[in-house]
Amino acid sequence: MNEFNADASNTGEDPAPDGYKDPSSSIHHRELAASYDDRLAELEIENSRLHRLVAELLIKNQQLRKPD
């Protein structure tokens, strides 16, 4: 009962003769694309935050190494 069934018989979609199913015809593909875009935006924000943090730490490091 808990076996994974990879065929399209439970999805309500007719599979192609060779078993290939066009992902662009599926609503799941659009949801994945939106999820991908959201994740990409999150990662770009996180990347910017990390760049800023590294720059701040480099400045602090230079200040600590500077002789008084």
Protein backbone atom coordinates (compact mmCIF):
# COMPACT_ATOMS: atom_id res chain seq x y z
CA MET A 1 0.00 0.00 0.00
CA ASN A 2 2.92 2.36 0.68
CA GLU A 3 4.77 1.53 -2.53
CA PHE A 4 5.70 4.38 -4.81
CA ASN A 5 3.92 4.13 -8.15
CA ALA A 6 5.69 6.14 -10.84
CA ASP A 7 3.14 5.67 -13.61
CA ALA A 8 0.53 8.30 -14.48
CA SER A 9 -2.47 6.07 -13.80
CA ASN A 10 -3.30 7.83 -10.52
CA THR A 11 -2.90 11.39 -11.79
CA GLY A 12 -5.82 11.51 -14.18
CA GLU A 13 -3.48 12.31 -17.08
CA ASP A 14 -2.86 10.05 -20.05
CA PRO A 15 0.83 9.24 -20.38
CA ALA A 16 2.53 9.49 -23.75
CA PRO A 17 3.21 6.14 -25.49
CA ASP A 18 6.87 6.27 -24.48
CA GLY A 19 5.98 7.18 -20.88
CA TYR A 20 7.05 10.81 -21.22
CA LYS A 21 4.66 13.39 -19.82
CA ASP A 22 5.09 17.03 -20.89
CA PRO A 23 5.59 19.00 -17.65
CA SER A 24 4.36 22.24 -19.22
CA SER A 25 0.83 20.85 -19.39
CA SER A 26 0.71 20.26 -15.66
CA ILE A 27 -0.40 22.71 -13.01
CA HIS A 28 2.36 21.25 -10.84
CA HIS A 29 4.94 22.61 -13.25
CA ARG A 30 3.60 26.15 -12.80
CA GLU A 31 3.64 25.73 -9.03
CA LEU A 32 7.23 24.50 -9.16
CA ALA A 33 8.21 27.45 -11.34
CA ALA A 34 6.65 29.89 -8.88
CA SER A 35 8.33 28.09 -6.00
CA TYR A 36 11.64 28.21 -7.88
CA ASP A 37 11.26 31.96 -8.48
CA ASP A 38 10.44 32.54 -4.80
CA ARG A 39 13.43 30.47 -3.69
CA LEU A 40 15.70 32.29 -6.12
CA ALA A 41 14.58 35.66 -4.72
CA GLU A 42 15.20 34.42 -1.15
CA LEU A 43 18.68 33.24 -2.08
CA GLU A 44 19.54 36.53 -3.79
CA ILE A 45 18.48 38.43 -0.65
CA GLU A 46 20.52 36.09 1.55
CA ASN A 47 23.51 36.44 -0.77
CA SER A 48 23.33 40.24 -0.53
CA ARG A 49 23.10 40.03 3.26
CA LEU A 50 26.15 37.77 3.40
CA HIS A 51 28.16 40.07 1.11
CA ARG A 52 27.33 43.00 3.39
CA LEU A 53 28.32 41.00 6.48
CA VAL A 54 31.66 40.00 4.94
CA ALA A 55 32.37 43.64 4.04
CA GLU A 56 31.59 44.75 7.61
CA LEU A 57 33.85 42.05 9.03
CA LEU A 58 36.69 43.00 6.69
CA ILE A 59 36.43 46.62 7.85
CA LYS A 60 36.45 45.56 11.52
CA ASN A 61 39.43 43.29 10.87
CA GLN A 62 41.35 46.16 9.23
CA GLN A 63 40.52 48.43 12.17
CA LEU A 64 41.78 45.84 14.66
CA ARG A 65 45.03 45.33 12.75
CA LYS A 66 45.68 49.08 12.45
CA PRO A 67 48.27 50.25 14.96
CA ASP A 68 47.00 52.95 17.30
